[in-house]
């Protein structure tokens, strides 16, 4: 196997690994949505951590891919895999577009929930003020003598 053949195999393997990791990222983004909808903060935080790990791994794959891609481009054999890499890249981009849409939707839902919580806090503060004002106007103590 020539050096370029090894690089071609590596490019294909890295592209497939990236596709797998992007699919995992999509799955975790969908799980985030469920956690947000169900107010499951602990699960949301855990999923967010897992997503960050996946993103870090994808970054490493991208670095390795770039190195191999630059080496492979210099070879006439590169044309053999160029079309495959372009098609895989289109698939990856398609999934990342879905992820971006889901992320935006998740953020919107989360903001709506936070807005509702803030309103509840404001209402609670108003209620406390009203109760405090009510009790401030009451005499400190009233004793009624029941003796006849």
Protein backbone atom coordinates (compact mmCIF):
# COMPACT_ATOMS: atom_id res chain seq x y z
CA UNK A 1 0.00 0.00 0.00
CA UNK A 2 1.47 3.32 -1.00
CA UNK A 3 1.55 6.29 1.34
CA UNK A 4 -1.25 8.04 -0.56
CA UNK A 5 -3.45 4.94 -0.30
CA UNK A 6 -3.01 5.03 3.46
CA UNK A 7 -3.97 8.70 3.49
CA UNK A 8 -7.04 7.96 1.35
CA UNK A 9 -8.15 5.27 3.78
CA UNK A 10 -7.54 7.64 6.69
CA UNK A 11 -9.61 10.39 5.05
CA UNK A 12 -12.49 8.00 4.48
CA UNK A 13 -12.30 6.68 8.05
CA UNK A 14 -12.15 10.18 9.52
CA UNK A 15 -15.10 11.29 7.41
CA UNK A 16 -17.14 8.30 8.56
CA UNK A 17 -16.17 8.91 12.20
CA UNK A 18 -17.22 12.51 11.87
CA UNK A 19 -20.56 11.44 10.40
CA UNK A 20 -21.10 9.11 13.38
CA UNK A 21 -20.24 11.83 15.88
CA UNK A 22 -22.50 14.35 14.13
CA UNK A 23 -25.33 11.80 14.34
CA UNK A 24 -24.64 11.43 18.08
CA UNK A 25 -24.71 15.21 18.40
CA UNK A 26 -28.12 15.29 16.71
CA UNK A 27 -29.41 12.64 19.10
CA UNK A 28 -28.11 14.56 22.14
CA UNK A 29 -29.66 17.78 20.85
CA UNK A 30 -33.02 16.01 20.61
CA UNK A 31 -32.54 14.68 24.15
CA UNK A 32 -31.80 18.22 25.30
CA UNK A 33 -35.15 19.30 23.91
CA UNK A 34 -36.91 16.59 25.91
CA UNK A 35 -35.05 17.61 29.06
CA UNK A 36 -35.99 21.27 28.54
CA UNK A 37 -39.65 20.45 27.92
CA UNK A 38 -39.75 18.18 30.99
CA UNK A 39 -37.92 20.71 33.20
CA UNK A 40 -35.24 18.08 33.88
CA UNK A 41 -32.34 20.42 34.65
CA UNK A 42 -29.97 17.71 35.92
CA UNK A 43 -30.40 15.70 32.72
CA UNK A 44 -30.08 18.86 30.62
CA UNK A 45 -26.74 19.67 32.24
CA UNK A 46 -25.50 16.10 31.81
CA UNK A 47 -26.48 16.07 28.13
CA UNK A 48 -24.81 19.44 27.60
CA UNK A 49 -21.57 18.03 29.04
CA UNK A 50 -21.81 14.99 26.76
CA UNK A 51 -22.41 17.24 23.76
CA UNK A 52 -19.30 19.23 24.62
CA UNK A 53 -17.27 16.00 24.71
CA UNK A 54 -18.62 15.07 21.28
CA UNK A 55 -17.80 18.52 19.91
CA UNK A 56 -14.26 18.30 21.29
CA UNK A 57 -13.82 14.90 19.62
CA UNK A 58 -15.15 16.27 16.31
CA UNK A 59 -12.60 19.09 16.55
CA UNK A 60 -9.82 16.49 16.87
CA UNK A 61 -11.20 14.60 13.87
CA UNK A 62 -11.25 17.85 11.88
CA UNK A 63 -7.61 18.57 12.75
CA UNK A 64 -6.49 15.11 11.62
CA UNK A 65 -8.64 15.37 8.51
CA UNK A 66 -7.10 18.71 7.50
CA UNK A 67 -3.57 17.32 7.83
CA UNK A 68 -4.37 14.27 5.72
CA UNK A 69 -6.37 16.27 3.21
CA UNK A 70 -3.48 18.62 2.50
CA UNK A 71 -1.16 15.63 1.96
CA UNK A 72 -3.67 13.82 -0.25
CA UNK A 73 -4.37 16.84 -2.46
CA UNK A 74 -0.81 16.75 -3.72
CA UNK A 75 -1.34 13.34 -5.28
CA UNK A 76 -3.01 12.59 -8.61
CA UNK A 77 -4.78 9.68 -6.86
CA UNK A 78 -6.71 12.22 -4.80
CA UNK A 79 -9.37 12.49 -7.52
CA UNK A 80 -10.40 8.90 -6.74
CA UNK A 81 -11.87 9.88 -3.36
CA UNK A 82 -12.66 13.53 -3.94
CA UNK A 83 -16.27 12.86 -5.01
CA UNK A 84 -16.87 10.52 -2.05
CA UNK A 85 -15.55 13.15 0.38
CA UNK A 86 -17.73 15.84 -1.21
CA UNK A 87 -20.86 13.69 -0.89
CA UNK A 88 -20.10 12.78 2.73
CA UNK A 89 -19.46 16.45 3.49
CA UNK A 90 -22.85 17.36 2.03
CA UNK A 91 -24.50 14.75 4.28
CA UNK A 92 -22.66 16.07 7.32
CA UNK A 93 -23.66 19.64 6.50
CA UNK A 94 -27.27 18.56 6.10
CA UNK A 95 -27.29 17.03 9.59
CA UNK A 96 -25.51 20.03 11.10
CA UNK A 97 -28.21 22.27 9.60
CA UNK A 98 -30.84 20.16 11.39
CA UNK A 99 -28.82 20.45 14.61
CA UNK A 100 -28.62 24.24 14.24
CA UNK A 101 -32.39 24.43 13.79
CA UNK A 102 -32.98 22.24 16.85
CA UNK A 103 -30.50 24.27 18.89
CA UNK A 104 -32.29 27.50 18.00
CA UNK A 105 -35.61 25.92 18.90
CA UNK A 106 -34.21 24.61 22.19
CA UNK A 107 -32.93 28.08 23.04
CA UNK A 108 -36.31 29.59 22.23
CA UNK A 109 -38.12 27.09 24.47
CA UNK A 110 -35.60 27.63 27.25
CA UNK A 111 -35.99 31.42 27.03
CA UNK A 112 -39.78 31.07 27.18
CA UNK A 113 -39.49 28.89 30.27
CA UNK A 114 -37.08 31.35 31.90
CA UNK A 115 -39.45 34.21 31.10
CA UNK A 116 -42.29 32.30 32.78
CA UNK A 117 -40.15 31.65 35.86
CA UNK A 118 -39.18 35.33 36.05
CA UNK A 119 -42.86 36.27 35.89
CA UNK A 120 -43.62 33.84 38.72
CA UNK A 121 -40.84 35.39 40.80
CA UNK A 122 -42.17 38.90 40.13
CA UNK A 123 -45.69 37.79 41.06
CA UNK A 124 -44.38 36.19 44.24
CA UNK A 125 -42.55 39.41 45.18
CA UNK A 126 -45.72 41.44 44.58
CA UNK A 127 -47.68 39.00 46.71
CA UNK A 128 -45.15 39.27 49.53
CA UNK A 129 -45.30 43.07 49.40
CA UNK A 130 -49.07 42.96 49.59
CA UNK A 131 -49.03 40.62 52.55
CA UNK A 132 -46.40 42.74 54.30
CA UNK A 133 -48.44 45.89 53.75
CA UNK A 134 -51.54 44.17 55.10
CA UNK A 135 -49.83 43.05 58.28
CA UNK A 136 -48.18 46.46 58.82
CA UNK A 137 -51.61 48.06 59.15
CA UNK A 138 -52.79 45.63 61.80
CA UNK A 139 -52.44 46.44 65.49
CA UNK A 140 -49.56 44.66 67.10
CA UNK A 141 -51.68 42.67 69.47
CA UNK A 142 -55.24 42.50 70.50
CA UNK A 143 -56.35 40.91 73.74
CA UNK A 144 -59.95 40.19 74.49
CA UNK A 145 -60.88 39.54 78.05
CA UNK A 146 -63.54 36.88 78.23
CA UNK A 147 -64.28 37.36 81.95
CA UNK A 148 -67.86 38.01 82.90
